[in-house]
Amino acid sequence: MPGWKAAHIPDQSGRTAVVTGANSGIGYFAARELARRGATVVLACRSAARGRAAEVGLRAEVPGADVRFMPLDLADLATVREFAREFGQRHGSLDLLVNNAGVMALPYGRTADGFETQFGVNHLGHFALTGLLLPGLLAAGSGARIVNLSSGFHALGDVDHEDLNGERRYRRWIAYGRSKTANLLFTHELARRLAAAGSGIVTAAAHPGYSATNLHVGATPQAGTTLTSRIAVAANHLGNAVGNTVIAQSAASGALPALYAATAPGIRPDEFIGPRLGWRGAPARSWRAKWTLDDTSGERLWAASEKLTGVSYTSLSR
């Protein structure tokens, strides 16, 4: 693991991957490196214009890359179901699912299905997508992996099972942290259920540290903090300009923990991978809050998620 780079990714020829939010940032670079190593990569993006632009860009960067844009809006479960249906028609199996897309610290809002936006997009959308794609993952066999992107900000709080949609009190950063805790609880409970079903699928989690992506820049202006926004933009530009800085590492470096979790040999179920220094550095096993390993909390969140999304993991038995 020390000094692990994208060049260490094993050959991915013959494998099919889905990367959500692959039109920019971490998702784009994760898709690029998987394609570079021979994988067929589906770019699951909300914006058709940005998704198609990413497809063109990846083919220019990686001649012969087998990449394809498919529309997916995690804030609308109807499009999640349509994505899964279309994917199933085009592909017989799925070897790798990288649940990368997300939103950060938004003012209170609701998805098309009425969920608080951060909880709905960051957790429920991916919960539904994973469940709907699970038959393809099971068909791929023991080599399949699921990687859920969380954040160090999960330390801001445990999920509030009595107020999952933030209707009683909403604080945008706490809501973001709780949605990232939900990603880790989902990983924990899914790992338990896959093991109970005797499946060889490995599900793990990753976080990018502080990386120069649109996520940080997009969060601050919506709160009206102009100075904070300018600082985030400056740090991001500096990080991308020189590759890595003491402030922000490049998006390409930020993608490495997810790529490590997705491809490195020996990844164990429910591992959490992040930058070695916490906010930057080579991939390493990451600290996580104790509440993200709570079996009871994981089961409660799972039951609520099935009820809210209408997606049941019928392929798994307890």
C-alpha atoms as a PDB file:
ATOM      1  CA  MET A   1       0.000   0.000   0.000  1.00  0.00           C
ATOM      2  CA  PRO A   2       2.780   2.599   0.679  1.00  0.00           C
ATOM      3  CA  GLY A   3       3.217   4.766  -2.407  1.00  0.00           C
ATOM      4  CA  TRP A   4       0.373   3.038  -4.261  1.00  0.00           C
ATOM      5  CA  LYS A   5      -0.382   4.756  -7.580  1.00  0.00           C
ATOM      6  CA  ALA A   6      -2.776   4.336 -10.483  1.00  0.00           C
ATOM      7  CA  ALA A   7      -0.017   2.489 -12.337  1.00  0.00           C
ATOM      8  CA  HIS A   8      -0.413  -0.321  -9.776  1.00  0.00           C
ATOM      9  CA  ILE A   9      -4.011  -1.050 -10.814  1.00  0.00           C
ATOM     10  CA  PRO A  10      -4.193  -4.668 -12.032  1.00  0.00           C
ATOM     11  CA  ASP A  11      -5.341  -5.399 -15.567  1.00  0.00           C
ATOM     12  CA  GLN A  12      -9.093  -4.812 -15.828  1.00  0.00           C
ATOM     13  CA  SER A  13      -9.650  -6.328 -19.270  1.00  0.00           C
ATOM     14  CA  GLY A  14     -12.981  -8.121 -19.564  1.00  0.00           C
ATOM     15  CA  ARG A  15     -14.449  -6.321 -16.546  1.00  0.00           C
ATOM     16  CA  THR A  16     -17.379  -3.909 -16.619  1.00  0.00           C
ATOM     17  CA  ALA A  17     -17.561  -0.967 -14.224  1.00  0.00           C
ATOM     18  CA  VAL A  18     -20.203   1.649 -13.403  1.00  0.00           C
ATOM     19  CA  VAL A  19     -18.954   4.939 -11.944  1.00  0.00           C
ATOM     20  CA  THR A  20     -21.572   7.429 -10.778  1.00  0.00           C
ATOM     21  CA  GLY A  21     -20.772  11.105 -11.171  1.00  0.00           C
ATOM     22  CA  ALA A  22     -18.055  10.282 -13.699  1.00  0.00           C
ATOM     23  CA  ASN A  23     -18.289  13.533 -15.633  1.00  0.00           C
ATOM     24  CA  SER A  24     -15.825  15.422 -13.404  1.00  0.00           C
ATOM     25  CA  GLY A  25     -13.532  15.269 -10.409  1.00  0.00           C
ATOM     26  CA  ILE A  26     -12.870  12.000  -8.651  1.00  0.00           C
ATOM     27  CA  GLY A  27     -15.408  10.093 -10.730  1.00  0.00           C
ATOM     28  CA  TYR A  28     -13.823  11.210 -13.991  1.00  0.00           C
ATOM     29  CA  PHE A  29     -10.320  10.231 -12.928  1.00  0.00           C
ATOM     30  CA  ALA A  30     -11.490   6.914 -11.496  1.00  0.00           C
ATOM     31  CA  ALA A  31     -13.218   6.137 -14.791  1.00  0.00           C
ATOM     32  CA  ARG A  32     -10.134   7.191 -16.739  1.00  0.00           C
ATOM     33  CA  GLU A  33      -7.778   4.899 -14.851  1.00  0.00           C
ATOM     34  CA  LEU A  34     -10.156   1.932 -15.017  1.00  0.00           C
ATOM     35  CA  ALA A  35     -10.522   2.461 -18.775  1.00  0.00           C
ATOM     36  CA  ARG A  36      -6.748   2.829 -19.120  1.00  0.00           C
ATOM     37  CA  ARG A  37      -6.374  -0.618 -17.568  1.00  0.00           C
ATOM     38  CA  GLY A  38      -8.857  -2.159 -20.022  1.00  0.00           C
ATOM     39  CA  ALA A  39     -12.226  -2.028 -18.248  1.00  0.00           C
ATOM     40  CA  THR A  40     -15.493  -1.249 -19.988  1.00  0.00           C
ATOM     41  CA  VAL A  41     -16.688   1.809 -18.055  1.00  0.00           C
ATOM     42  CA  VAL A  42     -20.229   3.163 -17.884  1.00  0.00           C
ATOM     43  CA  LEU A  43     -20.305   6.866 -17.016  1.00  0.00           C
ATOM     44  CA  ALA A  44     -23.460   7.297 -14.936  1.00  0.00           C
ATOM     45  CA  CYS A  45     -24.111  11.054 -14.908  1.00  0.00           C
ATOM     46  CA  ARG A  46     -27.053  13.361 -14.298  1.00  0.00           C
ATOM     47  CA  SER A  47     -26.201  15.885 -17.019  1.00  0.00           C
ATOM     48  CA  ALA A  48     -26.334  14.520 -20.557  1.00  0.00           C
ATOM     49  CA  ALA A  49     -24.154  17.350 -21.873  1.00  0.00           C
ATOM     50  CA  ARG A  50     -21.435  16.841 -19.243  1.00  0.00           C
ATOM     51  CA  GLY A  51     -21.692  13.060 -19.462  1.00  0.00           C
ATOM     52  CA  ARG A  52     -21.186  13.047 -23.218  1.00  0.00           C
ATOM     53  CA  ALA A  53     -18.372  15.571 -22.909  1.00  0.00           C
ATOM     54  CA  ALA A  54     -16.664  13.280 -20.381  1.00  0.00           C
ATOM     55  CA  GLU A  55     -17.073  10.354 -22.772  1.00  0.00           C
ATOM     56  CA  VAL A  56     -15.387  12.336 -25.555  1.00  0.00           C
ATOM     57  CA  GLY A  57     -12.658  13.540 -23.206  1.00  0.00           C
ATOM     58  CA  LEU A  58     -11.869  10.056 -21.923  1.00  0.00           C
ATOM     59  CA  ARG A  59     -11.584   8.654 -25.431  1.00  0.00           C
ATOM     60  CA  ALA A  60      -9.183  11.454 -26.297  1.00  0.00           C
ATOM     61  CA  GLU A  61      -7.055  10.790 -23.191  1.00  0.00           C
ATOM     62  CA  VAL A  62      -7.184   7.003 -23.493  1.00  0.00           C
ATOM     63  CA  PRO A  63      -7.217   5.971 -27.158  1.00  0.00           C
ATOM     64  CA  GLY A  64      -9.374   2.886 -27.619  1.00  0.00           C
ATOM     65  CA  ALA A  65     -11.111   3.373 -24.265  1.00  0.00           C
ATOM     66  CA  ASP A  66     -14.376   1.458 -23.967  1.00  0.00           C
ATOM     67  CA  VAL A  67     -16.501   4.078 -22.226  1.00  0.00           C
ATOM     68  CA  ARG A  68     -20.174   4.944 -22.563  1.00  0.00           C
ATOM     69  CA  PHE A  69     -22.361   7.612 -20.993  1.00  0.00           C
ATOM     70  CA  MET A  70     -25.715   6.567 -19.529  1.00  0.00           C
ATOM     71  CA  PRO A  71     -28.088   9.042 -17.807  1.00  0.00           C
ATOM     72  CA  LEU A  72     -28.600   8.665 -14.065  1.00  0.00           C
ATOM     73  CA  ASP A  73     -30.151  11.162 -11.660  1.00  0.00           C
ATOM     74  CA  LEU A  74     -29.802   9.931  -8.094  1.00  0.00           C
ATOM     75  CA  ALA A  75     -32.331  12.549  -6.990  1.00  0.00           C
ATOM     76  CA  ASP A  76     -35.052  10.792  -8.999  1.00  0.00           C
ATOM     77  CA  LEU A  77     -35.673   7.103  -8.301  1.00  0.00           C
ATOM     78  CA  ALA A  78     -37.550   6.707 -11.580  1.00  0.00           C
ATOM     79  CA  THR A  79     -34.315   7.416 -13.480  1.00  0.00           C
ATOM     80  CA  VAL A  80     -32.404   5.078 -11.148  1.00  0.00           C
ATOM     81  CA  ARG A  81     -34.791   2.280 -12.082  1.00  0.00           C
ATOM     82  CA  GLU A  82     -34.537   3.154 -15.768  1.00  0.00           C
ATOM     83  CA  PHE A  83     -30.735   3.150 -15.591  1.00  0.00           C
ATOM     84  CA  ALA A  84     -30.713  -0.290 -13.964  1.00  0.00           C
ATOM     85  CA  ARG A  85     -33.191  -1.645 -16.523  1.00  0.00           C
ATOM     86  CA  GLU A  86     -31.188  -0.342 -19.476  1.00  0.00           C
ATOM     87  CA  PHE A  87     -27.896  -1.526 -17.998  1.00  0.00           C
ATOM     88  CA  GLY A  88     -29.331  -5.006 -17.511  1.00  0.00           C
ATOM     89  CA  GLN A  89     -30.371  -5.117 -21.161  1.00  0.00           C
ATOM     90  CA  ARG A  90     -26.938  -4.045 -22.412  1.00  0.00           C
ATOM     91  CA  HIS A  91     -24.715  -5.970 -20.019  1.00  0.00           C
ATOM     92  CA  GLY A  92     -25.090  -9.439 -18.592  1.00  0.00           C
ATOM     93  CA  SER A  93     -23.055  -8.784 -15.482  1.00  0.00           C
ATOM     94  CA  LEU A  94     -21.356  -6.034 -13.489  1.00  0.00           C
ATOM     95  CA  ASP A  95     -17.888  -6.441 -11.982  1.00  0.00           C
ATOM     96  CA  LEU A  96     -17.454  -3.089 -10.261  1.00  0.00           C
ATOM     97  CA  LEU A  97     -19.826  -0.421  -8.953  1.00  0.00           C
ATOM     98  CA  VAL A  98     -18.271   2.824  -7.719  1.00  0.00           C
ATOM     99  CA  ASN A  99     -20.919   4.888  -5.911  1.00  0.00           C
ATOM    100  CA  ASN A 100     -19.089   8.189  -6.206  1.00  0.00           C
ATOM    101  CA  ALA A 101     -21.623  10.925  -7.036  1.00  0.00           C
ATOM    102  CA  GLY A 102     -22.788  13.242  -4.313  1.00  0.00           C
ATOM    103  CA  VAL A 103     -23.746  16.702  -3.140  1.00  0.00           C
ATOM    104  CA  MET A 104     -22.303  18.661  -0.236  1.00  0.00           C
ATOM    105  CA  ALA A 105     -23.753  21.047   2.360  1.00  0.00           C
ATOM    106  CA  LEU A 106     -26.712  22.255   0.329  1.00  0.00           C
ATOM    107  CA  PRO A 107     -29.487  24.463   1.681  1.00  0.00           C
ATOM    108  CA  TYR A 108     -32.545  22.442   2.582  1.00  0.00           C
ATOM    109  CA  GLY A 109     -34.220  20.947  -0.452  1.00  0.00           C
ATOM    110  CA  ARG A 110     -36.028  17.821  -1.575  1.00  0.00           C
ATOM    111  CA  THR A 111     -35.478  15.255  -4.292  1.00  0.00           C
ATOM    112  CA  ALA A 112     -38.101  14.325  -6.862  1.00  0.00           C
ATOM    113  CA  ASP A 113     -39.311  11.667  -4.412  1.00  0.00           C
ATOM    114  CA  GLY A 114     -39.550  14.070  -1.462  1.00  0.00           C
ATOM    115  CA  PHE A 115     -36.366  13.133   0.415  1.00  0.00           C
ATOM    116  CA  GLU A 116     -34.005  15.715   1.916  1.00  0.00           C
ATOM    117  CA  THR A 117     -31.550  16.281  -0.927  1.00  0.00           C
ATOM    118  CA  GLN A 118     -28.270  15.235   0.709  1.00  0.00           C
ATOM    119  CA  PHE A 119     -29.714  12.110   2.316  1.00  0.00           C
ATOM    120  CA  GLY A 120     -31.655  11.327  -0.852  1.00  0.00           C
ATOM    121  CA  VAL A 121     -28.780  11.721  -3.307  1.00  0.00           C
ATOM    122  CA  ASN A 122     -25.786  10.622  -1.237  1.00  0.00           C
ATOM    123  CA  HIS A 123     -27.422   7.604   0.394  1.00  0.00           C
ATOM    124  CA  LEU A 124     -30.875   6.627  -0.827  1.00  0.00           C
ATOM    125  CA  GLY A 125     -30.108   7.016  -4.523  1.00  0.00           C
ATOM    126  CA  HIS A 126     -27.049   4.792  -4.227  1.00  0.00           C
ATOM    127  CA  PHE A 127     -28.860   2.331  -1.966  1.00  0.00           C
ATOM    128  CA  ALA A 128     -31.537   1.908  -4.630  1.00  0.00           C
ATOM    129  CA  LEU A 129     -29.026   1.738  -7.485  1.00  0.00           C
ATOM    130  CA  THR A 130     -26.928  -0.928  -5.760  1.00  0.00           C
ATOM    131  CA  GLY A 131     -29.973  -3.048  -4.984  1.00  0.00           C
ATOM    132  CA  LEU A 132     -31.260  -2.830  -8.538  1.00  0.00           C
ATOM    133  CA  LEU A 133     -27.825  -3.703  -9.980  1.00  0.00           C
ATOM    134  CA  LEU A 134     -27.181  -6.497  -7.473  1.00  0.00           C
ATOM    135  CA  PRO A 135     -28.298  -9.329  -9.805  1.00  0.00           C
ATOM    136  CA  GLY A 136     -25.597  -8.271 -12.274  1.00  0.00           C
ATOM    137  CA  LEU A 137     -23.004  -8.083  -9.511  1.00  0.00           C
ATOM    138  CA  LEU A 138     -23.945 -11.550  -8.277  1.00  0.00           C
ATOM    139  CA  ALA A 139     -23.705 -12.828 -11.849  1.00  0.00           C
ATOM    140  CA  ALA A 140     -20.124 -11.544 -12.033  1.00  0.00           C
ATOM    141  CA  GLY A 141     -19.135 -13.836  -9.163  1.00  0.00           C
ATOM    142  CA  SER A 142     -16.600 -13.527  -6.371  1.00  0.00           C
ATOM    143  CA  GLY A 143     -14.464 -10.941  -8.163  1.00  0.00           C
ATOM    144  CA  ALA A 144     -17.162  -8.260  -8.053  1.00  0.00           C
ATOM    145  CA  ARG A 145     -16.761  -5.208  -5.839  1.00  0.00           C
ATOM    146  CA  ILE A 146     -18.900  -2.325  -4.606  1.00  0.00           C
ATOM    147  CA  VAL A 147     -17.159   0.859  -3.443  1.00  0.00           C
ATOM    148  CA  ASN A 148     -19.110   3.556  -1.621  1.00  0.00           C
ATOM    149  CA  LEU A 149     -17.602   7.046  -1.377  1.00  0.00           C
ATOM    150  CA  SER A 150     -17.894   8.555   2.080  1.00  0.00           C
ATOM    151  CA  SER A 151     -16.004  11.448   3.688  1.00  0.00           C
ATOM    152  CA  GLY A 152     -14.041  12.360   6.765  1.00  0.00           C
ATOM    153  CA  PHE A 153     -16.976  14.659   7.480  1.00  0.00           C
ATOM    154  CA  HIS A 154     -18.933  11.584   8.592  1.00  0.00           C
ATOM    155  CA  ALA A 155     -17.414  12.435  11.986  1.00  0.00           C
ATOM    156  CA  LEU A 156     -19.851  15.370  12.229  1.00  0.00           C
ATOM    157  CA  GLY A 157     -22.641  13.074  13.322  1.00  0.00           C
ATOM    158  CA  ASP A 158     -24.433   9.762  13.425  1.00  0.00           C
ATOM    159  CA  VAL A 159     -27.658   9.337  11.476  1.00  0.00           C
ATOM    160  CA  ASP A 160     -30.784  10.525  13.272  1.00  0.00           C
ATOM    161  CA  HIS A 161     -33.157   7.601  12.839  1.00  0.00           C
ATOM    162  CA  GLU A 162     -36.062   9.707  14.076  1.00  0.00           C
ATOM    163  CA  ASP A 163     -35.443  12.476  11.549  1.00  0.00           C
ATOM    164  CA  LEU A 164     -33.718  10.980   8.497  1.00  0.00           C
ATOM    165  CA  ASN A 165     -35.022  13.736   6.221  1.00  0.00           C
ATOM    166  CA  GLY A 166     -33.999  16.615   8.498  1.00  0.00           C
ATOM    167  CA  GLU A 167     -37.524  17.920   8.906  1.00  0.00           C
ATOM    168  CA  ARG A 168     -37.261  18.882  12.589  1.00  0.00           C
ATOM    169  CA  ARG A 169     -33.995  20.768  12.400  1.00  0.00           C
ATOM    170  CA  TYR A 170     -31.719  21.177   9.407  1.00  0.00           C
ATOM    171  CA  ARG A 171     -28.081  22.182   9.538  1.00  0.00           C
ATOM    172  CA  ARG A 172     -26.470  21.713   6.153  1.00  0.00           C
ATOM    173  CA  TRP A 173     -23.047  20.501   7.300  1.00  0.00           C
ATOM    174  CA  ILE A 174     -24.473  18.152   9.917  1.00  0.00           C
ATOM    175  CA  ALA A 175     -26.852  16.795   7.277  1.00  0.00           C
ATOM    176  CA  TYR A 176     -23.905  16.225   4.960  1.00  0.00           C
ATOM    177  CA  GLY A 177     -21.963  14.426   7.683  1.00  0.00           C
ATOM    178  CA  ARG A 178     -24.945  12.240   8.470  1.00  0.00           C
ATOM    179  CA  SER A 179     -25.352  11.314   4.814  1.00  0.00           C
ATOM    180  CA  LYS A 180     -21.691  10.262   4.763  1.00  0.00           C
ATOM    181  CA  THR A 181     -22.235   8.234   7.934  1.00  0.00           C
ATOM    182  CA  ALA A 182     -25.139   6.599   6.095  1.00  0.00           C
ATOM    183  CA  ASN A 183     -22.720   5.603   3.319  1.00  0.00           C
ATOM    184  CA  LEU A 184     -20.521   3.830   5.860  1.00  0.00           C
ATOM    185  CA  LEU A 185     -23.436   2.177   7.690  1.00  0.00           C
ATOM    186  CA  PHE A 186     -24.746   0.980   4.330  1.00  0.00           C
ATOM    187  CA  THR A 187     -21.321  -0.489   3.525  1.00  0.00           C
ATOM    188  CA  HIS A 188     -21.177  -2.174   6.935  1.00  0.00           C
ATOM    189  CA  GLU A 189     -24.638  -3.734   6.703  1.00  0.00           C
ATOM    190  CA  LEU A 190     -24.253  -4.728   3.047  1.00  0.00           C
ATOM    191  CA  ALA A 191     -20.980  -6.495   3.895  1.00  0.00           C
ATOM    192  CA  ARG A 192     -22.758  -8.423   6.652  1.00  0.00           C
ATOM    193  CA  ARG A 193     -25.599  -9.442   4.363  1.00  0.00           C
ATOM    194  CA  LEU A 194     -23.322 -10.483   1.513  1.00  0.00           C
ATOM    195  CA  ALA A 195     -21.333 -12.661   3.931  1.00  0.00           C
ATOM    196  CA  ALA A 196     -24.515 -14.205   5.339  1.00  0.00           C
ATOM    197  CA  ALA A 197     -25.628 -15.054   1.795  1.00  0.00           C
ATOM    198  CA  GLY A 198     -22.292 -16.710   1.060  1.00  0.00           C
ATOM    199  CA  SER A 199     -21.456 -14.191  -1.656  1.00  0.00           C
ATOM    200  CA  GLY A 200     -17.876 -13.437  -2.580  1.00  0.00           C
ATOM    201  CA  ILE A 201     -18.697  -9.851  -3.535  1.00  0.00           C
ATOM    202  CA  VAL A 202     -16.547  -7.394  -1.587  1.00  0.00           C
ATOM    203  CA  THR A 203     -18.055  -4.071  -0.554  1.00  0.00           C
ATOM    204  CA  ALA A 204     -15.763  -1.399   0.835  1.00  0.00           C
ATOM    205  CA  ALA A 205     -15.749   2.358   1.360  1.00  0.00           C
ATOM    206  CA  ALA A 206     -13.326   5.127   0.517  1.00  0.00           C
ATOM    207  CA  HIS A 207     -12.885   8.857   0.954  1.00  0.00           C
ATOM    208  CA  PRO A 208     -10.726  11.303  -1.028  1.00  0.00           C
ATOM    209  CA  GLY A 209      -9.492  13.560   1.763  1.00  0.00           C
ATOM    210  CA  TYR A 210      -9.429  17.184   0.662  1.00  0.00           C
ATOM    211  CA  SER A 211      -9.264  17.047  -3.105  1.00  0.00           C
ATOM    212  CA  ALA A 212      -9.645  19.778  -5.692  1.00  0.00           C
ATOM    213  CA  THR A 213     -13.110  19.017  -7.058  1.00  0.00           C
ATOM    214  CA  ASN A 214     -16.304  20.908  -7.782  1.00  0.00           C
ATOM    215  CA  LEU A 215     -17.893  19.462  -4.626  1.00  0.00           C
ATOM    216  CA  HIS A 216     -16.192  21.888  -2.232  1.00  0.00           C
ATOM    217  CA  VAL A 217     -16.593  24.868  -4.528  1.00  0.00           C
ATOM    218  CA  GLY A 218     -20.250  24.143  -5.151  1.00  0.00           C
ATOM    219  CA  ALA A 219     -21.129  23.920  -1.477  1.00  0.00           C
ATOM    220  CA  THR A 220     -19.895  27.264  -0.197  1.00  0.00           C
ATOM    221  CA  PRO A 221     -21.531  29.819  -2.526  1.00  0.00           C
ATOM    222  CA  GLN A 222     -24.987  28.487  -1.749  1.00  0.00           C
ATOM    223  CA  ALA A 223     -24.556  29.565   1.870  1.00  0.00           C
ATOM    224  CA  GLY A 224     -23.516  33.053   0.851  1.00  0.00           C
ATOM    225  CA  THR A 225     -20.010  32.806   2.376  1.00  0.00           C
ATOM    226  CA  THR A 226     -18.114  34.609  -0.367  1.00  0.00           C
ATOM    227  CA  LEU A 227     -14.716  34.552   1.379  1.00  0.00           C
ATOM    228  CA  THR A 228     -14.973  30.807   2.090  1.00  0.00           C
ATOM    229  CA  SER A 229     -15.944  30.210  -1.521  1.00  0.00           C
ATOM    230  CA  ARG A 230     -12.955  32.184  -2.804  1.00  0.00           C
ATOM    231  CA  ILE A 231     -10.586  30.272  -0.524  1.00  0.00           C
ATOM    232  CA  ALA A 232     -12.018  26.937  -1.726  1.00  0.00           C
ATOM    233  CA  VAL A 233     -11.689  27.974  -5.362  1.00  0.00           C
ATOM    234  CA  ALA A 234      -8.105  29.177  -4.840  1.00  0.00           C
ATOM    235  CA  ALA A 235      -7.098  25.971  -3.030  1.00  0.00           C
ATOM    236  CA  ASN A 236      -8.662  23.855  -5.740  1.00  0.00           C
ATOM    237  CA  HIS A 237      -6.968  25.753  -8.557  1.00  0.00           C
ATOM    238  CA  LEU A 238      -3.630  25.509  -6.780  1.00  0.00           C
ATOM    239  CA  GLY A 239      -4.080  21.788  -6.140  1.00  0.00           C
ATOM    240  CA  ASN A 240      -4.936  21.041  -9.759  1.00  0.00           C
ATOM    241  CA  ALA A 241      -2.236  23.347 -11.092  1.00  0.00           C
ATOM    242  CA  VAL A 242       0.678  21.703  -9.305  1.00  0.00           C
ATOM    243  CA  GLY A 243      -0.755  18.233  -8.718  1.00  0.00           C
ATOM    244  CA  ASN A 244      -0.670  18.248  -4.908  1.00  0.00           C
ATOM    245  CA  THR A 245      -0.290  20.976  -2.289  1.00  0.00           C
ATOM    246  CA  VAL A 246      -0.393  21.086   1.497  1.00  0.00           C
ATOM    247  CA  ILE A 247      -3.977  22.375   1.139  1.00  0.00           C
ATOM    248  CA  ALA A 248      -5.700  20.329  -1.522  1.00  0.00           C
ATOM    249  CA  GLN A 249      -4.480  17.392  -3.516  1.00  0.00           C
ATOM    250  CA  SER A 250      -5.482  17.012  -7.139  1.00  0.00           C
ATOM    251  CA  ALA A 251      -8.701  15.249  -8.068  1.00  0.00           C
ATOM    252  CA  ALA A 252      -6.581  12.559  -9.723  1.00  0.00           C
ATOM    253  CA  SER A 253      -4.833  11.911  -6.390  1.00  0.00           C
ATOM    254  CA  GLY A 254      -8.171  12.068  -4.586  1.00  0.00           C
ATOM    255  CA  ALA A 255      -9.433   9.241  -6.785  1.00  0.00           C
ATOM    256  CA  LEU A 256      -6.683   6.872  -5.641  1.00  0.00           C
ATOM    257  CA  PRO A 257      -8.374   5.621  -2.427  1.00  0.00           C
ATOM    258  CA  ALA A 258     -11.489   4.639  -4.397  1.00  0.00           C
ATOM    259  CA  LEU A 259      -9.373   2.998  -7.080  1.00  0.00           C
ATOM    260  CA  TYR A 260      -7.384   1.141  -4.430  1.00  0.00           C
ATOM    261  CA  ALA A 261     -10.579  -0.109  -2.777  1.00  0.00           C
ATOM    262  CA  ALA A 262     -11.926  -1.085  -6.186  1.00  0.00           C
ATOM    263  CA  THR A 263      -8.941  -2.954  -7.587  1.00  0.00           C
ATOM    264  CA  ALA A 264      -6.181  -3.755  -5.090  1.00  0.00           C
ATOM    265  CA  PRO A 265      -5.788  -7.393  -4.065  1.00  0.00           C
ATOM    266  CA  GLY A 266      -6.642  -8.273  -0.497  1.00  0.00           C
ATOM    267  CA  ILE A 267      -9.297  -5.629   0.192  1.00  0.00           C
ATOM    268  CA  ARG A 268     -11.492  -6.930   2.999  1.00  0.00           C
ATOM    269  CA  PRO A 269     -15.254  -6.417   3.284  1.00  0.00           C
ATOM    270  CA  ASP A 270     -16.212  -3.173   5.056  1.00  0.00           C
ATOM    271  CA  GLU A 271     -12.717  -1.654   4.846  1.00  0.00           C
ATOM    272  CA  PHE A 272     -12.481   2.131   4.751  1.00  0.00           C
ATOM    273  CA  ILE A 273      -9.684   3.555   2.600  1.00  0.00           C
ATOM    274  CA  GLY A 274      -8.524   7.167   2.541  1.00  0.00           C
ATOM    275  CA  PRO A 275      -5.385   9.277   2.110  1.00  0.00           C
ATOM    276  CA  ARG A 276      -2.548   8.339   4.457  1.00  0.00           C
ATOM    277  CA  LEU A 277      -2.497  11.749   6.159  1.00  0.00           C
ATOM    278  CA  GLY A 278      -6.259  12.008   6.390  1.00  0.00           C
ATOM    279  CA  TRP A 279      -6.634  14.881   3.933  1.00  0.00           C
ATOM    280  CA  ARG A 280      -3.943  13.915   1.383  1.00  0.00           C
ATOM    281  CA  GLY A 281      -1.403  11.228   0.564  1.00  0.00           C
ATOM    282  CA  ALA A 282      -1.276   7.693  -0.774  1.00  0.00           C
ATOM    283  CA  PRO A 283      -4.160   5.298   0.006  1.00  0.00           C
ATOM    284  CA  ALA A 284      -4.223   3.769   3.475  1.00  0.00           C
ATOM    285  CA  ARG A 285      -6.745   2.288   5.887  1.00  0.00           C
ATOM    286  CA  SER A 286      -8.719   5.157   7.393  1.00  0.00           C
ATOM    287  CA  TRP A 287     -10.098   5.923  10.835  1.00  0.00           C
ATOM    288  CA  ARG A 288     -13.883   5.793  11.122  1.00  0.00           C
ATOM    289  CA  ALA A 289     -16.307   6.743  13.880  1.00  0.00           C
ATOM    290  CA  LYS A 290     -17.523   3.869  16.036  1.00  0.00           C
ATOM    291  CA  TRP A 291     -21.153   4.556  15.145  1.00  0.00           C
ATOM    292  CA  THR A 292     -20.462   3.517  11.539  1.00  0.00           C
ATOM    293  CA  LEU A 293     -19.840  -0.035  12.788  1.00  0.00           C
ATOM    294  CA  ASP A 294     -23.014  -0.346  14.860  1.00  0.00           C
ATOM    295  CA  ASP A 295     -24.982  -3.408  13.736  1.00  0.00           C
ATOM    296  CA  THR A 296     -28.294  -2.230  15.167  1.00  0.00           C
ATOM    297  CA  SER A 297     -28.004   1.180  13.548  1.00  0.00           C
ATOM    298  CA  GLY A 298     -27.062  -0.414  10.245  1.00  0.00           C
ATOM    299  CA  GLU A 299     -30.101  -2.686  10.328  1.00  0.00           C
ATOM    300  CA  ARG A 300     -32.404   0.239  11.169  1.00  0.00           C
ATOM    301  CA  LEU A 301     -31.044   2.337   8.333  1.00  0.00           C
ATOM    302  CA  TRP A 302     -31.348  -0.607   5.936  1.00  0.00           C
ATOM    303  CA  ALA A 303     -34.991  -1.215   6.855  1.00  0.00           C
ATOM    304  CA  ALA A 304     -35.828   2.477   6.499  1.00  0.00           C
ATOM    305  CA  SER A 305     -33.990   2.678   3.172  1.00  0.00           C
ATOM    306  CA  GLU A 306     -35.907  -0.273   1.742  1.00  0.00           C
ATOM    307  CA  LYS A 307     -39.183   1.291   2.844  1.00  0.00           C
ATOM    308  CA  LEU A 308     -38.360   4.751   1.493  1.00  0.00           C
ATOM    309  CA  THR A 309     -36.996   3.615  -1.876  1.00  0.00           C
ATOM    310  CA  GLY A 310     -39.191   0.566  -2.438  1.00  0.00           C
ATOM    311  CA  VAL A 311     -36.042  -1.403  -3.338  1.00  0.00           C
ATOM    312  CA  SER A 312     -35.551  -4.722  -1.539  1.00  0.00           C
ATOM    313  CA  TYR A 313     -32.400  -6.803  -1.836  1.00  0.00           C
ATOM    314  CA  THR A 314     -34.317  -9.998  -2.523  1.00  0.00           C
ATOM    315  CA  SER A 315     -31.186 -11.672  -3.920  1.00  0.00           C
ATOM    316  CA  LEU A 316     -29.705 -11.744  -0.418  1.00  0.00           C
ATOM    317  CA  SER A 317     -30.989 -13.897   2.393  1.00  0.00           C
ATOM    318  CA  ARG A 318     -30.345 -13.395   6.092  1.00  0.00           C
END
